[in-house]
Amino acid sequence: MTLADKLPKPRMMMLNGLLIPRRVTIETIYDCNFRCTMCPWSEAESNPSTLGRKKGPMDQALFKSIIDRLVPYSEHIEMMDLFSLGEPLMDRRICERILYAKSRGFKNLAFATNASLLIPRIQQQLLETGIETILFSIDGATKESYEKIRVRGNFEKVVENCLGMIERRNTGDYPTRFVVRFVRQKDNWDEWPMFREFWSTKLNASRRDLIGRYDVHTWGGSMRGKDDTLAHENSVLTRRDESIERAPCFLISEILNILADGRVPICHEDWHLAKFNMGNVQNADPVEVFNAQHYWNFRRIHAAGKKNSIPMCAGCTVHYSDATKEYVLP
């Protein structure tokens, strides 16, 4: 079995001649209060010229317009994420946006958070929206590794916030499930078993809670210069696999990403700089942008096994990271 055999195969969902995204990701805010070592925000902090876009939330009228335009496809859209490259709890409208999307028929809503802002009042408000999944991005089993990786974070506070919300969910019998996530990298490489053991005692398999991990990746090559500091010697980042290099990417065929300013990048590896601007949903239907001719050109290049002719795709290691994913029940 090759590494590529472990990857999800692209699934094309066509309706009336249009490719319909199985998953939609809407960036409700482009801003973050952390500067994690494996994230492009850390690069922006040290070199402001790498900050590709203006920080701030998505305009609410734009958000509603996106949701409304996607309603005809709601039964085919299997998941909707309300986050991209930022901390969604910095968005003061996050609960309002969740409720609006659900009111328009969308299901399987989710977002990932560093949980630093997850105070009791916000915990309650989020649970009352009925959001299906919240991912806690923690990445460390000890204070030392966590605070080295998640710069500006406080380990004890984040764990307290997460445990408080889990308890609030259990006591109130809310439907939300939790996924606690661990990005394995050089500074926490040996902590995954300890991490898994700790959170296994806090989560609930009957609620479909999960504990997951995957290896760090390069954000479309933008973090390539940090390989030495991020990659453990046994990491997939340290080797090349030809089956992975030839494999077409499912991201560009299944997931529609919409940034806070309305732009559509080629995939979520292009969130930060948005170098590949496929279109803008401020003046176009989201599904029409997803079916733009230049978007299809990229898909054909991937299908032909020639993705490395696209510089960003050549530097991307997300496929290697995906091949290491492991999600377990508590």
C-alpha atoms as a PDB file:
ATOM      1  CA  MET A   1       0.000   0.000   0.000  1.00  0.00           C
ATOM      2  CA  THR A   2       1.305   3.443  -0.932  1.00  0.00           C
ATOM      3  CA  LEU A   3       0.764   6.644   1.034  1.00  0.00           C
ATOM      4  CA  ALA A   4      -1.600   7.821  -1.705  1.00  0.00           C
ATOM      5  CA  ASP A   5      -3.836   4.786  -1.040  1.00  0.00           C
ATOM      6  CA  LYS A   6      -4.604   6.299   2.379  1.00  0.00           C
ATOM      7  CA  LEU A   7      -5.956   9.506   0.858  1.00  0.00           C
ATOM      8  CA  PRO A   8      -9.611  10.251   0.126  1.00  0.00           C
ATOM      9  CA  LYS A   9     -10.290  10.037  -3.588  1.00  0.00           C
ATOM     10  CA  PRO A  10     -11.842  13.099  -5.259  1.00  0.00           C
ATOM     11  CA  ARG A  11     -15.609  12.728  -5.535  1.00  0.00           C
ATOM     12  CA  MET A  12     -17.302  14.864  -8.164  1.00  0.00           C
ATOM     13  CA  MET A  13     -20.911  15.758  -7.342  1.00  0.00           C
ATOM     14  CA  MET A  14     -22.621  17.080 -10.478  1.00  0.00           C
ATOM     15  CA  LEU A  15     -26.074  18.682 -10.672  1.00  0.00           C
ATOM     16  CA  ASN A  16     -27.491  20.115 -13.898  1.00  0.00           C
ATOM     17  CA  GLY A  17     -24.025  20.292 -15.376  1.00  0.00           C
ATOM     18  CA  LEU A  18     -22.507  22.052 -12.358  1.00  0.00           C
ATOM     19  CA  LEU A  19     -19.955  20.710  -9.906  1.00  0.00           C
ATOM     20  CA  ILE A  20     -21.476  21.095  -6.428  1.00  0.00           C
ATOM     21  CA  PRO A  21     -19.167  21.370  -3.409  1.00  0.00           C
ATOM     22  CA  ARG A  22     -19.669  18.641  -0.831  1.00  0.00           C
ATOM     23  CA  ARG A  23     -18.318  21.025   1.783  1.00  0.00           C
ATOM     24  CA  VAL A  24     -18.368  24.806   2.090  1.00  0.00           C
ATOM     25  CA  THR A  25     -15.932  26.762   4.256  1.00  0.00           C
ATOM     26  CA  ILE A  26     -16.804  30.375   5.055  1.00  0.00           C
ATOM     27  CA  GLU A  27     -14.218  32.531   6.787  1.00  0.00           C
ATOM     28  CA  THR A  28     -16.327  34.730   9.058  1.00  0.00           C
ATOM     29  CA  ILE A  29     -13.234  36.550  10.340  1.00  0.00           C
ATOM     30  CA  TYR A  30      -9.640  36.889   9.194  1.00  0.00           C
ATOM     31  CA  ASP A  31      -7.798  37.553  12.442  1.00  0.00           C
ATOM     32  CA  CYS A  32      -6.224  35.553  15.229  1.00  0.00           C
ATOM     33  CA  ASN A  33      -5.068  36.190  18.784  1.00  0.00           C
ATOM     34  CA  PHE A  34      -2.427  33.408  18.642  1.00  0.00           C
ATOM     35  CA  ARG A  35       0.794  33.096  16.643  1.00  0.00           C
ATOM     36  CA  CYS A  36       1.236  29.330  16.473  1.00  0.00           C
ATOM     37  CA  THR A  37       4.585  28.184  15.160  1.00  0.00           C
ATOM     38  CA  MET A  38       3.116  25.986  12.402  1.00  0.00           C
ATOM     39  CA  CYS A  39       0.699  28.630  11.097  1.00  0.00           C
ATOM     40  CA  PRO A  40       1.242  31.409   8.519  1.00  0.00           C
ATOM     41  CA  TRP A  41       0.118  33.959  11.129  1.00  0.00           C
ATOM     42  CA  SER A  42       3.465  33.432  12.878  1.00  0.00           C
ATOM     43  CA  GLU A  43       5.216  34.388   9.654  1.00  0.00           C
ATOM     44  CA  ALA A  44       3.088  37.496   9.336  1.00  0.00           C
ATOM     45  CA  GLU A  45       4.068  38.583  12.833  1.00  0.00           C
ATOM     46  CA  SER A  46       7.786  38.485  12.019  1.00  0.00           C
ATOM     47  CA  ASN A  47       7.385  39.755   8.461  1.00  0.00           C
ATOM     48  CA  PRO A  48       4.291  41.978   7.962  1.00  0.00           C
ATOM     49  CA  SER A  49       4.738  41.883   4.191  1.00  0.00           C
ATOM     50  CA  THR A  50       3.513  38.271   4.294  1.00  0.00           C
ATOM     51  CA  LEU A  51       0.158  39.352   5.692  1.00  0.00           C
ATOM     52  CA  GLY A  52      -1.738  38.935   2.481  1.00  0.00           C
ATOM     53  CA  ARG A  53      -5.144  40.353   3.375  1.00  0.00           C
ATOM     54  CA  LYS A  54      -6.842  42.960   5.538  1.00  0.00           C
ATOM     55  CA  LYS A  55      -7.751  41.680   8.978  1.00  0.00           C
ATOM     56  CA  GLY A  56     -11.360  41.778  10.136  1.00  0.00           C
ATOM     57  CA  PRO A  57     -14.776  40.075  10.035  1.00  0.00           C
ATOM     58  CA  MET A  58     -16.928  39.290   7.037  1.00  0.00           C
ATOM     59  CA  ASP A  59     -19.715  41.789   6.440  1.00  0.00           C
ATOM     60  CA  GLN A  60     -22.986  40.320   7.665  1.00  0.00           C
ATOM     61  CA  ALA A  61     -24.855  41.254   4.496  1.00  0.00           C
ATOM     62  CA  LEU A  62     -22.252  39.353   2.470  1.00  0.00           C
ATOM     63  CA  PHE A  63     -22.525  36.358   4.783  1.00  0.00           C
ATOM     64  CA  LYS A  64     -26.308  36.233   4.424  1.00  0.00           C
ATOM     65  CA  SER A  65     -26.019  36.631   0.653  1.00  0.00           C
ATOM     66  CA  ILE A  66     -23.639  33.658   0.458  1.00  0.00           C
ATOM     67  CA  ILE A  67     -25.926  31.482   2.558  1.00  0.00           C
ATOM     68  CA  ASP A  68     -29.011  32.506   0.597  1.00  0.00           C
ATOM     69  CA  ARG A  69     -27.355  31.796  -2.762  1.00  0.00           C
ATOM     70  CA  LEU A  70     -26.304  28.340  -1.563  1.00  0.00           C
ATOM     71  CA  VAL A  71     -29.796  27.359  -0.371  1.00  0.00           C
ATOM     72  CA  PRO A  72     -30.730  25.653  -3.702  1.00  0.00           C
ATOM     73  CA  TYR A  73     -27.820  23.269  -3.123  1.00  0.00           C
ATOM     74  CA  SER A  74     -28.280  22.772   0.632  1.00  0.00           C
ATOM     75  CA  GLU A  75     -29.355  19.133   0.404  1.00  0.00           C
ATOM     76  CA  HIS A  76     -26.139  18.328  -1.489  1.00  0.00           C
ATOM     77  CA  ILE A  77     -23.765  20.290   0.755  1.00  0.00           C
ATOM     78  CA  GLU A  78     -22.798  17.768   3.402  1.00  0.00           C
ATOM     79  CA  MET A  79     -20.799  20.042   5.709  1.00  0.00           C
ATOM     80  CA  MET A  80     -20.320  23.748   6.374  1.00  0.00           C
ATOM     81  CA  ASP A  81     -17.332  25.180   8.258  1.00  0.00           C
ATOM     82  CA  LEU A  82     -17.551  28.700   9.676  1.00  0.00           C
ATOM     83  CA  PHE A  83     -13.825  29.302  10.003  1.00  0.00           C
ATOM     84  CA  SER A  84     -10.705  29.424   7.884  1.00  0.00           C
ATOM     85  CA  LEU A  85      -7.398  31.031   8.822  1.00  0.00           C
ATOM     86  CA  GLY A  86      -8.393  32.799  12.013  1.00  0.00           C
ATOM     87  CA  GLU A  87      -9.994  32.457  15.418  1.00  0.00           C
ATOM     88  CA  PRO A  88     -13.796  32.316  14.978  1.00  0.00           C
ATOM     89  CA  LEU A  89     -14.500  33.395  18.564  1.00  0.00           C
ATOM     90  CA  MET A  90     -13.026  36.798  17.683  1.00  0.00           C
ATOM     91  CA  ASP A  91     -16.083  37.168  15.448  1.00  0.00           C
ATOM     92  CA  ARG A  92     -18.768  38.779  17.627  1.00  0.00           C
ATOM     93  CA  ARG A  93     -21.466  37.561  15.249  1.00  0.00           C
ATOM     94  CA  ILE A  94     -20.438  33.899  15.234  1.00  0.00           C
ATOM     95  CA  CYS A  95     -23.555  32.652  17.059  1.00  0.00           C
ATOM     96  CA  GLU A  96     -25.811  34.815  14.899  1.00  0.00           C
ATOM     97  CA  ARG A  97     -24.179  33.393  11.780  1.00  0.00           C
ATOM     98  CA  ILE A  98     -24.552  29.797  12.958  1.00  0.00           C
ATOM     99  CA  LEU A  99     -28.246  30.362  13.647  1.00  0.00           C
ATOM    100  CA  TYR A 100     -28.804  31.982  10.255  1.00  0.00           C
ATOM    101  CA  ALA A 101     -27.112  29.134   8.364  1.00  0.00           C
ATOM    102  CA  LYS A 102     -29.153  26.564  10.284  1.00  0.00           C
ATOM    103  CA  SER A 103     -32.364  28.516   9.679  1.00  0.00           C
ATOM    104  CA  ARG A 104     -31.701  28.225   5.937  1.00  0.00           C
ATOM    105  CA  GLY A 105     -31.430  24.444   6.089  1.00  0.00           C
ATOM    106  CA  PHE A 106     -27.692  23.805   6.340  1.00  0.00           C
ATOM    107  CA  LYS A 107     -26.513  20.911   8.477  1.00  0.00           C
ATOM    108  CA  ASN A 108     -23.278  19.603   9.936  1.00  0.00           C
ATOM    109  CA  LEU A 109     -21.959  23.040  10.867  1.00  0.00           C
ATOM    110  CA  ALA A 110     -18.550  23.205  12.505  1.00  0.00           C
ATOM    111  CA  PHE A 111     -15.691  25.452  13.468  1.00  0.00           C
ATOM    112  CA  ALA A 112     -12.268  25.033  15.074  1.00  0.00           C
ATOM    113  CA  THR A 113     -11.120  27.226  17.951  1.00  0.00           C
ATOM    114  CA  ASN A 114      -8.036  27.669  20.106  1.00  0.00           C
ATOM    115  CA  ALA A 115     -10.551  27.936  23.010  1.00  0.00           C
ATOM    116  CA  SER A 116      -8.751  30.855  24.656  1.00  0.00           C
ATOM    117  CA  LEU A 117     -11.897  33.016  24.429  1.00  0.00           C
ATOM    118  CA  LEU A 118     -14.312  30.234  25.360  1.00  0.00           C
ATOM    119  CA  ILE A 119     -15.649  31.846  28.528  1.00  0.00           C
ATOM    120  CA  PRO A 120     -18.799  30.404  30.195  1.00  0.00           C
ATOM    121  CA  ARG A 121     -21.161  32.942  28.589  1.00  0.00           C
ATOM    122  CA  ILE A 122     -19.873  32.071  25.100  1.00  0.00           C
ATOM    123  CA  GLN A 123     -19.996  28.349  25.883  1.00  0.00           C
ATOM    124  CA  GLN A 124     -23.694  28.615  26.668  1.00  0.00           C
ATOM    125  CA  GLN A 125     -24.505  30.750  23.646  1.00  0.00           C
ATOM    126  CA  LEU A 126     -22.722  28.357  21.305  1.00  0.00           C
ATOM    127  CA  LEU A 127     -24.427  25.283  22.707  1.00  0.00           C
ATOM    128  CA  GLU A 128     -27.815  26.961  22.348  1.00  0.00           C
ATOM    129  CA  THR A 129     -27.220  27.420  18.598  1.00  0.00           C
ATOM    130  CA  GLY A 130     -27.230  23.640  18.203  1.00  0.00           C
ATOM    131  CA  ILE A 131     -23.980  23.646  16.230  1.00  0.00           C
ATOM    132  CA  GLU A 132     -23.075  20.072  15.420  1.00  0.00           C
ATOM    133  CA  THR A 133     -19.274  20.080  15.859  1.00  0.00           C
ATOM    134  CA  ILE A 134     -16.688  22.208  17.643  1.00  0.00           C
ATOM    135  CA  LEU A 135     -13.012  21.350  17.258  1.00  0.00           C
ATOM    136  CA  PHE A 136     -10.597  22.272  20.044  1.00  0.00           C
ATOM    137  CA  SER A 137      -7.108  22.857  18.596  1.00  0.00           C
ATOM    138  CA  ILE A 138      -4.713  22.164  21.466  1.00  0.00           C
ATOM    139  CA  ASP A 139      -1.561  20.442  20.112  1.00  0.00           C
ATOM    140  CA  GLY A 140       0.152  19.781  23.412  1.00  0.00           C
ATOM    141  CA  ALA A 141      -0.120  17.405  26.364  1.00  0.00           C
ATOM    142  CA  THR A 142       2.080  19.556  28.603  1.00  0.00           C
ATOM    143  CA  LYS A 143       2.262  23.238  29.409  1.00  0.00           C
ATOM    144  CA  GLU A 144       5.798  23.422  28.036  1.00  0.00           C
ATOM    145  CA  SER A 145       5.059  22.022  24.589  1.00  0.00           C
ATOM    146  CA  TYR A 146       1.660  23.712  24.286  1.00  0.00           C
ATOM    147  CA  GLU A 147       2.920  27.211  25.042  1.00  0.00           C
ATOM    148  CA  LYS A 148       5.982  26.746  22.850  1.00  0.00           C
ATOM    149  CA  ILE A 149       3.781  25.823  19.883  1.00  0.00           C
ATOM    150  CA  ARG A 150       0.668  27.903  20.585  1.00  0.00           C
ATOM    151  CA  VAL A 151       2.355  31.217  21.196  1.00  0.00           C
ATOM    152  CA  ARG A 152       0.236  33.611  23.338  1.00  0.00           C
ATOM    153  CA  GLY A 153      -1.795  30.700  24.687  1.00  0.00           C
ATOM    154  CA  ASN A 154      -2.205  29.703  28.333  1.00  0.00           C
ATOM    155  CA  PHE A 155      -2.344  25.921  28.719  1.00  0.00           C
ATOM    156  CA  GLU A 156      -4.240  25.795  32.011  1.00  0.00           C
ATOM    157  CA  LYS A 157      -6.846  28.316  30.860  1.00  0.00           C
ATOM    158  CA  VAL A 158      -7.507  26.581  27.554  1.00  0.00           C
ATOM    159  CA  VAL A 159      -7.896  23.153  29.175  1.00  0.00           C
ATOM    160  CA  GLU A 160     -10.205  24.700  31.799  1.00  0.00           C
ATOM    161  CA  ASN A 161     -12.341  26.299  29.073  1.00  0.00           C
ATOM    162  CA  CYS A 162     -12.620  23.055  27.109  1.00  0.00           C
ATOM    163  CA  LEU A 163     -13.463  20.952  30.148  1.00  0.00           C
ATOM    164  CA  GLY A 164     -16.036  23.535  31.223  1.00  0.00           C
ATOM    165  CA  MET A 165     -17.783  23.389  27.865  1.00  0.00           C
ATOM    166  CA  ILE A 166     -17.742  19.601  27.781  1.00  0.00           C
ATOM    167  CA  GLU A 167     -19.359  19.536  31.229  1.00  0.00           C
ATOM    168  CA  ARG A 168     -21.917  22.165  30.196  1.00  0.00           C
ATOM    169  CA  ARG A 169     -22.792  20.115  27.107  1.00  0.00           C
ATOM    170  CA  ASN A 170     -23.183  16.944  29.144  1.00  0.00           C
ATOM    171  CA  THR A 171     -25.253  18.546  31.894  1.00  0.00           C
ATOM    172  CA  GLY A 172     -27.554  20.368  29.503  1.00  0.00           C
ATOM    173  CA  ASP A 173     -27.772  17.434  27.074  1.00  0.00           C
ATOM    174  CA  TYR A 174     -26.943  19.603  24.052  1.00  0.00           C
ATOM    175  CA  PRO A 175     -26.304  17.831  20.704  1.00  0.00           C
ATOM    176  CA  THR A 176     -22.873  19.346  19.981  1.00  0.00           C
ATOM    177  CA  ARG A 177     -19.974  16.949  19.657  1.00  0.00           C
ATOM    178  CA  PHE A 178     -16.347  17.853  20.355  1.00  0.00           C
ATOM    179  CA  VAL A 179     -13.206  16.919  18.466  1.00  0.00           C
ATOM    180  CA  VAL A 180      -9.929  17.576  20.282  1.00  0.00           C
ATOM    181  CA  ARG A 181      -7.171  17.998  17.731  1.00  0.00           C
ATOM    182  CA  PHE A 182      -3.402  17.521  17.886  1.00  0.00           C
ATOM    183  CA  VAL A 183      -1.057  18.694  15.104  1.00  0.00           C
ATOM    184  CA  ARG A 184       2.009  16.503  15.563  1.00  0.00           C
ATOM    185  CA  GLN A 185       5.337  18.273  15.030  1.00  0.00           C
ATOM    186  CA  LYS A 186       8.879  18.403  16.348  1.00  0.00           C
ATOM    187  CA  ASP A 187       8.089  19.999  19.723  1.00  0.00           C
ATOM    188  CA  ASN A 188       5.283  17.579  20.660  1.00  0.00           C
ATOM    189  CA  TRP A 189       6.185  14.464  18.677  1.00  0.00           C
ATOM    190  CA  ASP A 190       6.241  12.040  21.600  1.00  0.00           C
ATOM    191  CA  GLU A 191       3.174  13.473  23.379  1.00  0.00           C
ATOM    192  CA  TRP A 192       0.378  12.016  21.240  1.00  0.00           C
ATOM    193  CA  PRO A 193      -0.160   8.933  23.479  1.00  0.00           C
ATOM    194  CA  MET A 194      -0.293  11.158  26.593  1.00  0.00           C
ATOM    195  CA  PHE A 195      -2.614  13.613  24.837  1.00  0.00           C
ATOM    196  CA  ARG A 196      -4.936  10.825  23.687  1.00  0.00           C
ATOM    197  CA  GLU A 197      -5.042   9.232  27.131  1.00  0.00           C
ATOM    198  CA  PHE A 198      -5.897  12.499  28.903  1.00  0.00           C
ATOM    199  CA  TRP A 199      -8.714  13.515  26.564  1.00  0.00           C
ATOM    200  CA  SER A 200     -10.107   9.966  26.428  1.00  0.00           C
ATOM    201  CA  THR A 201     -11.147  10.399  30.041  1.00  0.00           C
ATOM    202  CA  LYS A 202     -12.875  13.729  29.348  1.00  0.00           C
ATOM    203  CA  LEU A 203     -14.837  13.080  26.150  1.00  0.00           C
ATOM    204  CA  ASN A 204     -17.801  10.823  25.448  1.00  0.00           C
ATOM    205  CA  ALA A 205     -17.927   8.223  22.680  1.00  0.00           C
ATOM    206  CA  SER A 206     -21.735   8.035  22.878  1.00  0.00           C
ATOM    207  CA  ARG A 207     -21.820  11.727  21.870  1.00  0.00           C
ATOM    208  CA  ARG A 208     -19.584  10.958  18.859  1.00  0.00           C
ATOM    209  CA  ASP A 209     -16.689  12.916  20.395  1.00  0.00           C
ATOM    210  CA  LEU A 210     -13.306  12.247  18.816  1.00  0.00           C
ATOM    211  CA  ILE A 211      -9.601  12.747  19.455  1.00  0.00           C
ATOM    212  CA  GLY A 212      -7.558  13.340  16.325  1.00  0.00           C
ATOM    213  CA  ARG A 213      -4.077  14.021  15.116  1.00  0.00           C
ATOM    214  CA  TYR A 214      -2.179  14.628  11.907  1.00  0.00           C
ATOM    215  CA  ASP A 215       1.322  15.739  11.049  1.00  0.00           C
ATOM    216  CA  VAL A 216       2.187  19.366  10.417  1.00  0.00           C
ATOM    217  CA  HIS A 217       2.183  20.539   6.787  1.00  0.00           C
ATOM    218  CA  THR A 218       3.630  23.464   4.855  1.00  0.00           C
ATOM    219  CA  TRP A 219       0.541  25.518   3.931  1.00  0.00           C
ATOM    220  CA  GLY A 220       1.044  25.194   0.201  1.00  0.00           C
ATOM    221  CA  GLY A 221       4.790  25.584   0.573  1.00  0.00           C
ATOM    222  CA  SER A 222       4.555  28.925   2.391  1.00  0.00           C
ATOM    223  CA  MET A 223       6.120  27.372   5.513  1.00  0.00           C
ATOM    224  CA  ARG A 224       8.815  25.468   3.629  1.00  0.00           C
ATOM    225  CA  GLY A 225      11.608  27.488   5.225  1.00  0.00           C
ATOM    226  CA  LYS A 226      10.497  26.278   8.649  1.00  0.00           C
ATOM    227  CA  ASP A 227      10.829  22.559   7.907  1.00  0.00           C
ATOM    228  CA  ASP A 228      13.856  22.221  10.158  1.00  0.00           C
ATOM    229  CA  THR A 229      12.067  23.709  13.153  1.00  0.00           C
ATOM    230  CA  LEU A 230       8.700  22.022  12.564  1.00  0.00           C
ATOM    231  CA  ALA A 231       9.449  18.565  11.227  1.00  0.00           C
ATOM    232  CA  HIS A 232      10.521  15.670  13.415  1.00  0.00           C
ATOM    233  CA  GLU A 233      13.081  13.378  11.801  1.00  0.00           C
ATOM    234  CA  ASN A 234      10.365  10.739  11.332  1.00  0.00           C
ATOM    235  CA  SER A 235       7.800  13.156   9.923  1.00  0.00           C
ATOM    236  CA  VAL A 236       6.341  12.736   6.450  1.00  0.00           C
ATOM    237  CA  LEU A 237       7.722  16.220   5.762  1.00  0.00           C
ATOM    238  CA  THR A 238      11.205  14.732   5.638  1.00  0.00           C
ATOM    239  CA  ARG A 239      10.596  12.378   2.711  1.00  0.00           C
ATOM    240  CA  ARG A 240       9.098  12.333  -0.759  1.00  0.00           C
ATOM    241  CA  ASP A 241       6.669   9.758  -2.079  1.00  0.00           C
ATOM    242  CA  GLU A 242       5.989   9.587  -5.819  1.00  0.00           C
ATOM    243  CA  SER A 243       2.490   8.170  -5.325  1.00  0.00           C
ATOM    244  CA  ILE A 244       1.618  11.290  -3.324  1.00  0.00           C
ATOM    245  CA  GLU A 245       3.255  13.591  -5.851  1.00  0.00           C
ATOM    246  CA  ARG A 246       1.082  12.217  -8.675  1.00  0.00           C
ATOM    247  CA  ALA A 247      -2.183  11.973  -6.724  1.00  0.00           C
ATOM    248  CA  PRO A 248      -4.912  14.485  -7.659  1.00  0.00           C
ATOM    249  CA  CYS A 249      -6.096  16.617  -4.767  1.00  0.00           C
ATOM    250  CA  PHE A 250      -9.668  16.264  -3.534  1.00  0.00           C
ATOM    251  CA  LEU A 251      -9.640  19.772  -2.008  1.00  0.00           C
ATOM    252  CA  ILE A 252     -10.150  21.597  -5.306  1.00  0.00           C
ATOM    253  CA  SER A 253     -13.035  19.361  -6.368  1.00  0.00           C
ATOM    254  CA  GLU A 254     -14.973  18.990  -3.127  1.00  0.00           C
ATOM    255  CA  ILE A 255     -14.500  22.082  -0.970  1.00  0.00           C
ATOM    256  CA  LEU A 256     -15.601  25.629  -1.767  1.00  0.00           C
ATOM    257  CA  ASN A 257     -13.620  28.108   0.332  1.00  0.00           C
ATOM    258  CA  ILE A 258     -14.868  31.677   0.733  1.00  0.00           C
ATOM    259  CA  LEU A 259     -12.657  34.255   2.422  1.00  0.00           C
ATOM    260  CA  ALA A 260     -13.841  37.123   4.619  1.00  0.00           C
ATOM    261  CA  ASP A 261     -13.583  39.604   1.735  1.00  0.00           C
ATOM    262  CA  GLY A 262     -15.581  37.356  -0.594  1.00  0.00           C
ATOM    263  CA  ARG A 263     -12.660  35.992  -2.576  1.00  0.00           C
ATOM    264  CA  VAL A 264     -12.502  32.306  -3.439  1.00  0.00           C
ATOM    265  CA  PRO A 265      -9.001  30.783  -3.209  1.00  0.00           C
ATOM    266  CA  ILE A 266      -8.101  27.606  -5.040  1.00  0.00           C
ATOM    267  CA  CYS A 267      -8.140  25.634  -1.775  1.00  0.00           C
ATOM    268  CA  HIS A 268      -7.585  26.001   1.968  1.00  0.00           C
ATOM    269  CA  GLU A 269      -3.804  25.929   1.497  1.00  0.00           C
ATOM    270  CA  ASP A 270      -4.221  29.315  -0.209  1.00  0.00           C
ATOM    271  CA  TRP A 271      -6.225  30.895   2.633  1.00  0.00           C
ATOM    272  CA  HIS A 272      -3.510  33.239   3.844  1.00  0.00           C
ATOM    273  CA  LEU A 273      -2.272  35.022   0.722  1.00  0.00           C
ATOM    274  CA  ALA A 274      -5.101  34.089  -1.673  1.00  0.00           C
ATOM    275  CA  LYS A 275      -2.659  34.026  -4.588  1.00  0.00           C
ATOM    276  CA  PHE A 276      -5.100  32.002  -6.675  1.00  0.00           C
ATOM    277  CA  ASN A 277      -8.170  34.195  -6.825  1.00  0.00           C
ATOM    278  CA  MET A 278     -10.836  32.069  -8.494  1.00  0.00           C
ATOM    279  CA  GLY A 279     -13.445  34.827  -8.239  1.00  0.00           C
ATOM    280  CA  ASN A 280     -15.391  36.866  -5.715  1.00  0.00           C
ATOM    281  CA  VAL A 281     -18.831  35.995  -4.357  1.00  0.00           C
ATOM    282  CA  GLN A 282     -19.619  39.649  -3.714  1.00  0.00           C
ATOM    283  CA  ASN A 283     -20.606  39.869  -7.365  1.00  0.00           C
ATOM    284  CA  ALA A 284     -21.080  36.246  -8.409  1.00  0.00           C
ATOM    285  CA  ASP A 285     -22.929  33.111  -7.378  1.00  0.00           C
ATOM    286  CA  PRO A 286     -20.640  30.906  -5.216  1.00  0.00           C
ATOM    287  CA  VAL A 287     -21.357  27.742  -7.211  1.00  0.00           C
ATOM    288  CA  GLU A 288     -20.722  29.578 -10.482  1.00  0.00           C
ATOM    289  CA  VAL A 289     -17.316  30.652  -9.155  1.00  0.00           C
ATOM    290  CA  PHE A 290     -16.657  27.035  -8.158  1.00  0.00           C
ATOM    291  CA  ASN A 291     -17.327  26.130 -11.811  1.00  0.00           C
ATOM    292  CA  ALA A 292     -15.228  28.869 -13.418  1.00  0.00           C
ATOM    293  CA  GLN A 293     -13.220  27.720 -16.423  1.00  0.00           C
ATOM    294  CA  HIS A 294      -9.852  28.506 -14.831  1.00  0.00           C
ATOM    295  CA  TYR A 295     -10.888  26.478 -11.782  1.00  0.00           C
ATOM    296  CA  TRP A 296     -11.624  23.499 -14.035  1.00  0.00           C
ATOM    297  CA  ASN A 297      -8.252  23.975 -15.723  1.00  0.00           C
ATOM    298  CA  PHE A 298      -6.529  23.374 -12.382  1.00  0.00           C
ATOM    299  CA  ARG A 299      -8.656  20.271 -11.768  1.00  0.00           C
ATOM    300  CA  ARG A 300      -7.664  18.864 -15.169  1.00  0.00           C
ATOM    301  CA  ILE A 301      -3.988  19.422 -14.393  1.00  0.00           C
ATOM    302  CA  HIS A 302      -4.416  17.484 -11.152  1.00  0.00           C
ATOM    303  CA  ALA A 303      -6.393  14.705 -12.833  1.00  0.00           C
ATOM    304  CA  ALA A 304      -3.556  14.292 -15.351  1.00  0.00           C
ATOM    305  CA  GLY A 305      -1.088  13.690 -12.517  1.00  0.00           C
ATOM    306  CA  LYS A 306       0.712  16.975 -13.192  1.00  0.00           C
ATOM    307  CA  LYS A 307      -0.152  19.004 -10.085  1.00  0.00           C
ATOM    308  CA  ASN A 308       3.534  19.785  -9.536  1.00  0.00           C
ATOM    309  CA  SER A 309       3.433  22.066 -12.558  1.00  0.00           C
ATOM    310  CA  ILE A 310       1.513  24.447 -10.257  1.00  0.00           C
ATOM    311  CA  PRO A 311       4.134  26.000  -7.915  1.00  0.00           C
ATOM    312  CA  MET A 312       1.918  26.133  -4.832  1.00  0.00           C
ATOM    313  CA  CYS A 313       0.797  22.528  -5.303  1.00  0.00           C
ATOM    314  CA  ALA A 314       4.391  21.413  -5.839  1.00  0.00           C
ATOM    315  CA  GLY A 315       5.349  22.851  -2.448  1.00  0.00           C
ATOM    316  CA  CYS A 316       2.247  21.576  -0.670  1.00  0.00           C
ATOM    317  CA  THR A 317       2.504  18.689   1.788  1.00  0.00           C
ATOM    318  CA  VAL A 318      -1.134  18.496   2.859  1.00  0.00           C
ATOM    319  CA  HIS A 319      -1.462  15.083   1.176  1.00  0.00           C
ATOM    320  CA  TYR A 320       1.403  13.776   3.266  1.00  0.00           C
ATOM    321  CA  SER A 321      -0.296  15.189   6.357  1.00  0.00           C
ATOM    322  CA  ASP A 322      -3.656  13.666   5.395  1.00  0.00           C
ATOM    323  CA  ALA A 323      -2.009  10.256   5.094  1.00  0.00           C
ATOM    324  CA  THR A 324      -1.071  10.464   8.797  1.00  0.00           C
ATOM    325  CA  LYS A 325      -4.543  11.360  10.091  1.00  0.00           C
ATOM    326  CA  GLU A 326      -5.835   9.315  12.970  1.00  0.00           C
ATOM    327  CA  TYR A 327      -9.170   9.897  14.704  1.00  0.00           C
ATOM    328  CA  VAL A 328     -10.118   7.725  17.654  1.00  0.00           C
ATOM    329  CA  LEU A 329     -13.095   7.427  19.958  1.00  0.00           C
ATOM    330  CA  PRO A 330     -12.459   8.297  23.608  1.00  0.00           C
END
